[in-house]
Amino acid sequence: MPKGYILAEVQVTDPAMFEAYRPLAAAAIAAFGGKYLVRGGATEMLEGGRTPARTVLLEFPSPERAMDWYKSAQYQEALAIRLKAATTEVFLLTGHEG
C-alpha cells in the first residue's frame, strides 16, 4: 500500500502565532497516524531558482489518511492559525517505501 506524504514549504510571518500552531498540528498529525520525517533544518538549493525558508515532510500510512488528517476538524483549528502566521505551499505526495 502506498504511503501518503505531505510536503510543506513554509515562510513564517508571525513567529509568536506560529508557536501556537505547532502543538495543535503535532497532536492532529499523531492522531491520524502521521509522523514528521523532516521539520525545519537547513535547505541547500541544488537545482532551480528558489529556496524555501522552512520545509516540513510528513508521512502517513496512506494518501487517504493524509487527506483525512488535512480535512479533519482537529487540524482545521491549527490550520486557521497557520494561515494567519505563515505563507505556505502544501503538496500531497504518494510514494512507496524502498
N, C-alpha and C. Protein backbone atom coordinates (compact mmCIF):
# COMPACT_ATOMS: atom_id res chain seq x y z
N MET A 1 0.86 -1.18 0.00
CA MET A 1 0.00 0.00 0.00
C MET A 1 0.89 1.24 0.00
N PRO A 2 0.59 2.21 -0.86
CA PRO A 2 1.41 3.42 -0.90
C PRO A 2 1.22 4.27 0.35
N LYS A 3 2.28 4.92 0.71
CA LYS A 3 2.24 5.87 1.83
C LYS A 3 1.78 7.22 1.30
N GLY A 4 1.30 8.05 2.20
CA GLY A 4 0.94 9.42 1.86
C GLY A 4 1.91 10.36 2.52
N TYR A 5 2.37 11.34 1.77
CA TYR A 5 3.32 12.31 2.30
C TYR A 5 2.75 13.71 2.09
N ILE A 6 2.94 14.54 3.06
CA ILE A 6 2.61 15.96 2.95
C ILE A 6 3.93 16.72 2.96
N LEU A 7 4.15 17.50 1.92
CA LEU A 7 5.33 18.35 1.81
C LEU A 7 4.86 19.79 1.93
N ALA A 8 5.41 20.52 2.86
CA ALA A 8 5.05 21.92 3.06
C ALA A 8 6.29 22.79 3.02
N GLU A 9 6.19 23.86 2.27
CA GLU A 9 7.23 24.88 2.24
C GLU A 9 6.64 26.09 2.94
N VAL A 10 7.28 26.52 4.03
CA VAL A 10 6.68 27.47 4.95
C VAL A 10 7.54 28.72 5.09
N GLN A 11 6.90 29.87 4.98
CA GLN A 11 7.54 31.15 5.28
C GLN A 11 6.78 31.74 6.47
N VAL A 12 7.35 31.66 7.65
CA VAL A 12 6.69 32.15 8.86
C VAL A 12 6.72 33.67 8.86
N THR A 13 5.54 34.27 9.01
CA THR A 13 5.43 35.74 9.03
C THR A 13 5.13 36.28 10.42
N ASP A 14 4.60 35.41 11.30
CA ASP A 14 4.31 35.80 12.68
C ASP A 14 4.79 34.68 13.59
N PRO A 15 6.06 34.75 14.03
CA PRO A 15 6.63 33.67 14.82
C PRO A 15 5.86 33.35 16.10
N ALA A 16 5.36 34.35 16.80
CA ALA A 16 4.63 34.09 18.04
C ALA A 16 3.35 33.31 17.77
N MET A 17 2.62 33.70 16.76
CA MET A 17 1.39 32.99 16.41
C MET A 17 1.71 31.58 15.90
N PHE A 18 2.81 31.44 15.16
CA PHE A 18 3.19 30.13 14.63
C PHE A 18 3.49 29.16 15.77
N GLU A 19 4.02 29.66 16.88
CA GLU A 19 4.28 28.80 18.04
C GLU A 19 2.99 28.20 18.60
N ALA A 20 1.88 28.92 18.48
CA ALA A 20 0.59 28.39 18.92
C ALA A 20 0.11 27.27 17.98
N TYR A 21 0.49 27.35 16.72
CA TYR A 21 0.11 26.35 15.72
C TYR A 21 0.80 25.01 15.95
N ARG A 22 2.07 25.05 16.30
CA ARG A 22 2.90 23.83 16.34
C ARG A 22 2.33 22.70 17.20
N PRO A 23 1.97 22.91 18.47
CA PRO A 23 1.46 21.78 19.26
C PRO A 23 0.11 21.26 18.77
N LEU A 24 -0.73 22.16 18.26
CA LEU A 24 -2.03 21.73 17.72
C LEU A 24 -1.83 20.85 16.49
N ALA A 25 -0.94 21.27 15.61
CA ALA A 25 -0.66 20.49 14.41
C ALA A 25 -0.04 19.14 14.76
N ALA A 26 0.91 19.14 15.68
CA ALA A 26 1.57 17.88 16.07
C ALA A 26 0.57 16.88 16.64
N ALA A 27 -0.36 17.34 17.45
CA ALA A 27 -1.37 16.44 18.03
C ALA A 27 -2.27 15.88 16.94
N ALA A 28 -2.66 16.70 15.98
CA ALA A 28 -3.53 16.24 14.89
C ALA A 28 -2.78 15.25 14.00
N ILE A 29 -1.53 15.52 13.71
CA ILE A 29 -0.72 14.61 12.90
C ILE A 29 -0.63 13.24 13.55
N ALA A 30 -0.31 13.22 14.82
CA ALA A 30 -0.20 11.95 15.56
C ALA A 30 -1.53 11.21 15.61
N ALA A 31 -2.63 11.93 15.77
CA ALA A 31 -3.95 11.31 15.85
C ALA A 31 -4.33 10.58 14.56
N PHE A 32 -3.75 10.98 13.45
CA PHE A 32 -4.06 10.34 12.17
C PHE A 32 -2.94 9.41 11.70
N GLY A 33 -2.05 9.04 12.63
CA GLY A 33 -1.00 8.07 12.30
C GLY A 33 0.16 8.66 11.54
N GLY A 34 0.26 9.98 11.53
CA GLY A 34 1.35 10.63 10.81
C GLY A 34 2.56 10.85 11.68
N LYS A 35 3.67 11.11 11.02
CA LYS A 35 4.90 11.44 11.74
C LYS A 35 5.74 12.40 10.90
N TYR A 36 6.52 13.18 11.60
CA TYR A 36 7.44 14.10 10.94
C TYR A 36 8.65 13.31 10.44
N LEU A 37 9.01 13.51 9.17
CA LEU A 37 10.26 12.99 8.64
C LEU A 37 11.30 14.10 8.55
N VAL A 38 10.84 15.29 8.23
CA VAL A 38 11.71 16.48 8.16
C VAL A 38 10.92 17.63 8.74
N ARG A 39 11.57 18.40 9.61
CA ARG A 39 10.94 19.58 10.19
C ARG A 39 12.02 20.64 10.35
N GLY A 40 11.97 21.64 9.47
CA GLY A 40 12.96 22.71 9.54
C GLY A 40 14.31 22.21 9.06
N GLY A 41 15.35 22.73 9.63
CA GLY A 41 16.70 22.35 9.21
C GLY A 41 17.15 23.16 8.02
N ALA A 42 18.39 22.99 7.67
CA ALA A 42 18.99 23.76 6.57
C ALA A 42 18.50 23.22 5.22
N THR A 43 18.31 24.13 4.28
CA THR A 43 17.94 23.77 2.91
C THR A 43 19.03 24.29 1.99
N GLU A 44 19.56 23.43 1.15
CA GLU A 44 20.57 23.83 0.17
C GLU A 44 20.00 23.61 -1.23
N MET A 45 19.92 24.66 -2.03
CA MET A 45 19.38 24.57 -3.38
C MET A 45 20.39 23.87 -4.27
N LEU A 46 19.97 22.78 -4.89
CA LEU A 46 20.83 22.06 -5.83
C LEU A 46 20.44 22.36 -7.27
N GLU A 47 19.17 22.58 -7.53
CA GLU A 47 18.67 22.94 -8.85
C GLU A 47 17.47 23.86 -8.68
N GLY A 48 17.22 24.69 -9.67
CA GLY A 48 16.06 25.57 -9.62
C GLY A 48 16.43 26.95 -9.10
N GLY A 49 15.38 27.74 -8.86
CA GLY A 49 15.65 29.13 -8.53
C GLY A 49 15.09 29.62 -7.21
N ARG A 50 14.64 28.73 -6.34
CA ARG A 50 14.10 29.21 -5.07
C ARG A 50 14.54 28.29 -3.94
N THR A 51 14.63 28.86 -2.77
CA THR A 51 14.96 28.10 -1.58
C THR A 51 13.92 28.40 -0.52
N PRO A 52 13.11 27.41 -0.13
CA PRO A 52 12.10 27.67 0.90
C PRO A 52 12.76 27.99 2.24
N ALA A 53 12.12 28.85 3.00
CA ALA A 53 12.65 29.22 4.31
C ALA A 53 12.60 28.04 5.28
N ARG A 54 11.52 27.25 5.21
CA ARG A 54 11.33 26.12 6.13
C ARG A 54 10.61 25.03 5.36
N THR A 55 11.08 23.79 5.49
CA THR A 55 10.46 22.66 4.81
C THR A 55 10.02 21.64 5.85
N VAL A 56 8.82 21.10 5.65
CA VAL A 56 8.29 20.06 6.53
C VAL A 56 7.83 18.90 5.64
N LEU A 57 8.20 17.68 6.02
CA LEU A 57 7.75 16.48 5.32
C LEU A 57 7.13 15.54 6.34
N LEU A 58 5.85 15.20 6.11
CA LEU A 58 5.11 14.30 6.98
C LEU A 58 4.86 12.99 6.25
N GLU A 59 4.81 11.89 7.00
CA GLU A 59 4.47 10.59 6.43
C GLU A 59 3.21 10.06 7.11
N PHE A 60 2.27 9.57 6.30
CA PHE A 60 1.05 8.95 6.79
C PHE A 60 0.95 7.54 6.22
N PRO A 61 0.16 6.68 6.85
CA PRO A 61 0.04 5.30 6.38
C PRO A 61 -0.46 5.17 4.94
N SER A 62 -1.20 6.17 4.44
CA SER A 62 -1.73 6.13 3.08
C SER A 62 -2.04 7.56 2.63
N PRO A 63 -2.17 7.78 1.33
CA PRO A 63 -2.58 9.10 0.86
C PRO A 63 -3.96 9.48 1.40
N GLU A 64 -4.85 8.50 1.52
CA GLU A 64 -6.19 8.77 2.03
C GLU A 64 -6.13 9.26 3.48
N ARG A 65 -5.26 8.63 4.26
CA ARG A 65 -5.13 9.03 5.67
C ARG A 65 -4.54 10.44 5.77
N ALA A 66 -3.62 10.78 4.88
CA ALA A 66 -3.06 12.14 4.85
C ALA A 66 -4.16 13.16 4.56
N MET A 67 -5.04 12.85 3.60
CA MET A 67 -6.14 13.75 3.29
C MET A 67 -7.15 13.81 4.43
N ASP A 68 -7.40 12.67 5.08
CA ASP A 68 -8.29 12.67 6.25
C ASP A 68 -7.77 13.64 7.30
N TRP A 69 -6.45 13.59 7.53
CA TRP A 69 -5.83 14.50 8.50
C TRP A 69 -6.02 15.95 8.07
N TYR A 70 -5.68 16.25 6.81
CA TYR A 70 -5.72 17.63 6.35
C TYR A 70 -7.13 18.22 6.43
N LYS A 71 -8.13 17.40 6.17
CA LYS A 71 -9.52 17.87 6.17
C LYS A 71 -10.20 17.74 7.54
N SER A 72 -9.52 17.15 8.51
CA SER A 72 -10.14 16.88 9.81
C SER A 72 -10.46 18.15 10.58
N ALA A 73 -11.49 18.05 11.40
CA ALA A 73 -11.86 19.16 12.28
C ALA A 73 -10.70 19.49 13.23
N GLN A 74 -9.99 18.46 13.68
CA GLN A 74 -8.88 18.68 14.60
C GLN A 74 -7.79 19.54 13.95
N TYR A 75 -7.44 19.25 12.69
CA TYR A 75 -6.40 20.04 12.04
C TYR A 75 -6.91 21.41 11.60
N GLN A 76 -8.19 21.54 11.31
CA GLN A 76 -8.72 22.83 10.85
C GLN A 76 -8.49 23.94 11.87
N GLU A 77 -8.53 23.60 13.14
CA GLU A 77 -8.23 24.58 14.19
C GLU A 77 -6.79 25.08 14.05
N ALA A 78 -5.86 24.15 13.86
CA ALA A 78 -4.46 24.52 13.68
C ALA A 78 -4.26 25.28 12.37
N LEU A 79 -4.90 24.80 11.31
CA LEU A 79 -4.76 25.42 10.00
C LEU A 79 -5.18 26.88 10.02
N ALA A 80 -6.25 27.20 10.71
CA ALA A 80 -6.71 28.59 10.80
C ALA A 80 -5.62 29.49 11.38
N ILE A 81 -4.87 28.97 12.34
CA ILE A 81 -3.76 29.73 12.92
C ILE A 81 -2.62 29.85 11.92
N ARG A 82 -2.26 28.72 11.29
CA ARG A 82 -1.14 28.74 10.33
C ARG A 82 -1.39 29.71 9.20
N LEU A 83 -2.61 29.76 8.71
CA LEU A 83 -2.92 30.66 7.60
C LEU A 83 -2.71 32.13 7.97
N LYS A 84 -2.80 32.46 9.25
CA LYS A 84 -2.54 33.82 9.72
C LYS A 84 -1.07 34.06 10.04
N ALA A 85 -0.34 32.97 10.32
CA ALA A 85 1.03 33.09 10.82
C ALA A 85 2.11 32.79 9.78
N ALA A 86 1.71 32.29 8.59
CA ALA A 86 2.71 31.89 7.61
C ALA A 86 2.11 31.87 6.21
N THR A 87 3.00 31.97 5.24
CA THR A 87 2.66 31.73 3.84
C THR A 87 3.20 30.35 3.52
N THR A 88 2.35 29.48 2.98
CA THR A 88 2.73 28.08 2.83
C THR A 88 2.25 27.51 1.51
N GLU A 89 3.07 26.65 0.93
CA GLU A 89 2.67 25.81 -0.19
C GLU A 89 2.68 24.38 0.33
N VAL A 90 1.58 23.67 0.11
CA VAL A 90 1.41 22.32 0.67
C VAL A 90 1.08 21.36 -0.47
N PHE A 91 1.74 20.21 -0.47
CA PHE A 91 1.56 19.21 -1.52
C PHE A 91 1.25 17.86 -0.89
N LEU A 92 0.38 17.08 -1.53
CA LEU A 92 0.16 15.69 -1.17
C LEU A 92 0.94 14.84 -2.16
N LEU A 93 1.81 13.98 -1.64
CA LEU A 93 2.61 13.09 -2.47
C LEU A 93 2.23 11.65 -2.15
N THR A 94 2.24 10.79 -3.15
CA THR A 94 2.03 9.36 -2.94
C THR A 94 3.33 8.66 -3.25
N GLY A 95 3.73 7.75 -2.37
CA GLY A 95 5.00 7.06 -2.58
C GLY A 95 5.03 5.71 -1.92
N HIS A 96 6.05 4.96 -2.24
CA HIS A 96 6.27 3.64 -1.70
C HIS A 96 7.61 3.61 -0.98
N GLU A 97 7.69 2.81 0.08
CA GLU A 97 8.97 2.64 0.76
C GLU A 97 9.90 1.83 -0.12
N GLY A 98 11.20 2.17 -0.05
CA GLY A 98 12.20 1.38 -0.74
C GLY A 98 12.28 1.57 -2.16
